[in-house]
Amino acid sequence: MDGNGRWAERRGRPRWMGHVAGAHAVRRVVEYAARAAVEQLTLYAFSSDNWNRPVEEVGTLFDLFDSHLRTQTDRLARQGIRLQVIGRRDRLPLALRGAISAAEARTSAGRRMTLRVAIDYSSRAAILASLPTAAALHGTPQGETLLPPVDLLVRTGGERRLSDFLLWESAYAELAFLDVLWPDIGTAHLDALFADYAARDRRFGALPQRATA
């Protein structure tokens, strides 16, 4: 979900306002994905590398996470959306860890869609933790290891790389890169993404259907 800071800077606003706008975009995308019968949606909110950002910005992000968890959890539960947070928790503020646990428990019965939010997440660390020998040597701070395969991976903000996100799970994912900044993403963009995905020929190493007939 790239482009929050640039969105704010282009409007002459502080970066934190871009993150607030990005949070509104999250709600828009989550609700639309549920209506579109998406079964699993994973959002990359904060990578392990994002600790290198200014302390004030990191604090603002964590405050936003905490606030939205506390205000949106009941809404998710009513809509049948199950929330799971993946990534390390031992480095997160104690209050945020409590809000995450409470939100996961409150939405655990949801069956309409699973919403995963990656916070302090590193795909390389998740893969390492999934290997028994490596896990014994290095520990498993992730809490989760490998997730279901990704069908469609979307990155906004004009970036053209995966940035340590679901590397193993995206082995056969269809990729889509958008120049639109995350706070500006709308349902028309999602419709176009879904239509493009539906038109792709996903062969998983096999021959096209017409060639095997």
Protein backbone atom coordinates (compact mmCIF):
# COMPACT_ATOMS: atom_id res chain seq x y z
CA MET A 1 0.00 0.00 0.00
CA ASP A 2 2.50 2.56 -1.24
CA GLY A 3 2.21 6.31 -1.68
CA ASN A 4 0.75 7.68 1.56
CA GLY A 5 3.66 10.04 2.22
CA ARG A 6 3.89 11.20 -1.40
CA TRP A 7 0.14 11.76 -1.47
CA ALA A 8 0.46 14.17 1.46
CA GLU A 9 3.59 15.90 0.19
CA ARG A 10 2.04 16.61 -3.21
CA ARG A 11 -0.75 18.41 -1.38
CA GLY A 12 1.59 20.36 0.87
CA ARG A 13 0.52 18.41 3.93
CA PRO A 14 2.54 16.56 6.60
CA ARG A 15 3.19 12.89 5.94
CA TRP A 16 0.99 11.75 8.80
CA MET A 17 -2.04 13.07 6.96
CA GLY A 18 -1.17 10.72 4.11
CA HIS A 19 -1.24 7.79 6.50
CA VAL A 20 -4.66 8.89 7.76
CA ALA A 21 -5.92 9.05 4.16
CA GLY A 22 -4.37 5.64 3.57
CA ALA A 23 -6.30 4.22 6.50
CA HIS A 24 -9.54 5.42 4.92
CA ALA A 25 -8.50 3.68 1.70
CA VAL A 26 -8.00 0.45 3.67
CA ARG A 27 -11.60 0.52 4.85
CA ARG A 28 -12.81 1.24 1.30
CA VAL A 29 -10.80 -1.64 -0.19
CA VAL A 30 -11.65 -4.14 2.56
CA GLU A 31 -15.39 -3.56 2.30
CA TYR A 32 -15.36 -3.72 -1.48
CA ALA A 33 -13.25 -6.89 -1.50
CA ALA A 34 -15.73 -8.56 0.84
CA ARG A 35 -18.63 -7.58 -1.43
CA ALA A 36 -16.69 -8.94 -4.42
CA ALA A 37 -16.42 -12.35 -2.70
CA VAL A 38 -12.66 -12.18 -2.15
CA GLU A 39 -11.95 -14.96 0.35
CA GLN A 40 -8.59 -13.75 1.65
CA LEU A 41 -7.06 -10.28 1.57
CA THR A 42 -3.60 -9.50 2.97
CA LEU A 43 -2.46 -5.90 3.43
CA TYR A 44 1.19 -4.94 3.94
CA ALA A 45 0.95 -2.23 6.58
CA PHE A 46 4.43 -2.11 8.14
CA SER A 47 7.51 -4.04 7.07
CA SER A 48 10.38 -4.94 9.37
CA ASP A 49 12.48 -2.49 7.33
CA ASN A 50 10.08 0.34 8.19
CA TRP A 51 11.71 0.60 11.60
CA ASN A 52 14.32 2.66 9.75
CA ARG A 53 11.82 5.49 9.30
CA PRO A 54 11.80 8.50 11.65
CA VAL A 55 10.68 7.65 15.18
CA GLU A 56 7.83 10.17 14.99
CA GLU A 57 6.42 8.59 11.82
CA VAL A 58 6.65 5.08 13.24
CA GLY A 59 4.83 6.26 16.37
CA THR A 60 2.11 7.86 14.26
CA LEU A 61 1.62 4.62 12.32
CA PHE A 62 1.29 2.58 15.48
CA ASP A 63 -1.18 5.07 16.92
CA LEU A 64 -3.23 4.77 13.72
CA PHE A 65 -3.15 0.98 13.87
CA ASP A 66 -4.30 1.04 17.48
CA SER A 67 -7.06 3.58 16.85
CA HIS A 68 -8.49 1.80 13.82
CA LEU A 69 -8.38 -1.58 15.50
CA ARG A 70 -10.42 -0.22 18.39
CA THR A 71 -12.94 1.62 16.19
CA GLN A 72 -13.34 -0.84 13.31
CA THR A 73 -13.31 -4.23 15.03
CA ASP A 74 -17.05 -4.35 15.70
CA ARG A 75 -17.70 -3.34 12.09
CA LEU A 76 -15.52 -6.19 10.84
CA ALA A 77 -17.30 -8.64 13.13
CA ARG A 78 -20.73 -7.52 11.89
CA GLN A 79 -19.60 -7.99 8.30
CA GLY A 80 -18.28 -11.49 8.96
CA ILE A 81 -14.66 -10.51 8.34
CA ARG A 82 -12.04 -12.34 10.36
CA LEU A 83 -8.94 -10.33 11.22
CA GLN A 84 -5.49 -11.86 11.56
CA VAL A 85 -2.31 -9.88 12.13
CA ILE A 86 0.89 -11.47 10.86
CA GLY A 87 4.44 -10.50 11.71
CA ARG A 88 6.42 -9.96 14.89
CA ARG A 89 4.61 -8.68 17.95
CA ASP A 90 7.40 -8.59 20.50
CA ARG A 91 8.64 -5.21 19.23
CA LEU A 92 5.20 -3.55 19.08
CA PRO A 93 3.89 -1.24 21.84
CA LEU A 94 2.13 -3.17 24.58
CA ALA A 95 -1.18 -1.34 24.04
CA LEU A 96 -1.13 -2.20 20.33
CA ARG A 97 -0.46 -5.85 21.08
CA GLY A 98 -3.50 -5.87 23.35
CA ALA A 99 -5.67 -4.22 20.70
CA ILE A 100 -4.54 -6.79 18.13
CA SER A 101 -5.35 -9.74 20.38
CA ALA A 102 -8.74 -8.29 21.27
CA ALA A 103 -9.61 -7.63 17.60
CA GLU A 104 -8.58 -11.12 16.53
CA ALA A 105 -10.69 -12.69 19.28
CA ARG A 106 -13.69 -10.47 18.51
CA THR A 107 -13.67 -11.35 14.78
CA SER A 108 -12.63 -15.01 15.06
CA ALA A 109 -16.06 -16.30 14.00
CA GLY A 110 -16.00 -14.41 10.70
CA ARG A 111 -16.33 -16.65 7.63
CA ARG A 112 -17.12 -14.17 4.87
CA MET A 113 -13.50 -13.09 4.35
CA THR A 114 -10.17 -13.37 6.12
CA LEU A 115 -8.36 -10.04 6.38
CA ARG A 116 -4.67 -10.29 7.21
CA VAL A 117 -2.67 -7.22 8.14
CA ALA A 118 1.11 -7.57 8.05
CA ILE A 119 2.79 -5.51 10.78
CA ASP A 120 6.54 -5.74 11.48
CA TYR A 121 6.53 -8.42 8.79
CA SER A 122 9.44 -9.92 6.84
CA SER A 123 8.82 -12.71 4.36
CA ARG A 124 12.41 -13.88 4.62
CA ALA A 125 12.05 -14.19 8.40
CA ALA A 126 8.76 -16.09 7.95
CA ILE A 127 10.40 -18.57 5.58
CA LEU A 128 13.34 -19.00 7.96
CA ALA A 129 10.97 -19.64 10.85
CA SER A 130 9.14 -22.30 8.81
CA LEU A 131 12.29 -24.42 8.49
CA PRO A 132 12.63 -26.74 11.51
CA THR A 133 16.42 -26.59 11.74
CA ALA A 134 16.59 -22.85 11.24
CA ALA A 135 13.75 -22.35 13.67
CA ALA A 136 15.61 -24.31 16.33
CA LEU A 137 18.71 -22.18 15.79
CA HIS A 138 17.10 -18.78 15.45
CA GLY A 139 13.76 -19.05 17.23
CA THR A 140 10.37 -18.25 15.67
CA PRO A 141 9.40 -14.68 16.63
CA GLN A 142 6.97 -14.38 13.71
CA GLY A 143 4.17 -16.36 15.29
CA GLU A 144 3.02 -17.37 11.81
CA THR A 145 5.04 -18.92 9.02
CA LEU A 146 3.68 -19.78 5.59
CA LEU A 147 0.22 -18.67 4.48
CA PRO A 148 -2.09 -19.86 1.66
CA PRO A 149 -0.91 -19.20 -1.93
CA VAL A 150 -1.47 -15.70 -3.30
CA ASP A 151 -3.56 -15.40 -6.49
CA LEU A 152 -3.13 -11.69 -7.19
CA LEU A 153 -0.49 -9.38 -5.72
CA VAL A 154 -1.08 -5.65 -6.20
CA ARG A 155 1.37 -2.86 -5.43
CA THR A 156 0.44 0.81 -5.66
CA GLY A 157 2.51 3.98 -5.81
CA GLY A 158 4.46 3.13 -8.96
CA GLU A 159 6.82 0.68 -7.23
CA ARG A 160 7.89 -2.42 -9.19
CA ARG A 161 9.22 -4.83 -6.59
CA LEU A 162 7.93 -7.22 -3.90
CA SER A 163 9.88 -5.73 -0.97
CA ASP A 164 10.01 -8.90 1.16
CA PHE A 165 6.24 -9.48 1.08
CA LEU A 166 4.86 -13.06 0.87
CA LEU A 167 7.75 -14.24 -1.30
CA TRP A 168 7.04 -17.96 -0.97
CA GLU A 169 3.27 -17.61 -1.16
CA SER A 170 3.53 -15.46 -4.30
CA ALA A 171 5.47 -18.06 -6.29
CA TYR A 172 2.62 -18.30 -8.84
CA ALA A 173 0.84 -15.05 -8.07
CA GLU A 174 -0.32 -12.78 -10.86
CA LEU A 175 1.35 -9.38 -10.37
CA ALA A 176 -0.18 -5.96 -10.88
CA PHE A 177 1.65 -2.67 -10.38
CA LEU A 178 -0.33 0.57 -10.25
CA ASP A 179 0.95 4.14 -10.50
CA VAL A 180 -1.99 5.33 -8.36
CA LEU A 181 -1.05 6.31 -4.80
CA TRP A 182 -2.71 4.17 -2.14
CA PRO A 183 -4.99 6.87 -0.65
CA ASP A 184 -6.46 7.44 -4.15
CA ILE A 185 -7.33 3.82 -4.88
CA GLY A 186 -11.01 3.30 -5.55
CA THR A 187 -13.51 0.66 -6.55
CA ALA A 188 -12.96 1.39 -10.26
CA HIS A 189 -9.30 0.40 -9.84
CA LEU A 190 -10.35 -2.81 -8.11
CA ASP A 191 -12.86 -3.65 -10.83
CA ALA A 192 -10.14 -3.20 -13.44
CA LEU A 193 -7.74 -5.39 -11.45
CA PHE A 194 -10.30 -8.15 -11.06
CA ALA A 195 -11.22 -8.02 -14.77
CA ASP A 196 -7.58 -8.16 -15.81
CA TYR A 197 -6.94 -11.06 -13.45
CA ALA A 198 -9.93 -13.00 -14.79
CA ALA A 199 -8.60 -12.63 -18.33
CA ARG A 200 -5.15 -14.01 -17.55
CA ASP A 201 -4.23 -17.58 -18.52
CA ARG A 202 -2.97 -19.19 -15.32
CA ARG A 203 -1.22 -22.41 -16.38
CA PHE A 204 1.01 -23.20 -13.36
CA GLY A 205 3.65 -24.68 -15.65
CA ALA A 206 1.20 -26.69 -17.79
CA LEU A 207 0.29 -26.10 -21.41
CA PRO A 208 -2.56 -23.73 -22.33
CA GLN A 209 -5.97 -25.38 -22.22
CA ARG A 210 -6.35 -25.23 -26.01
CA ALA A 211 -3.02 -27.05 -26.47
CA THR A 212 -4.07 -29.99 -24.30
CA ALA A 213 -7.53 -30.47 -25.81
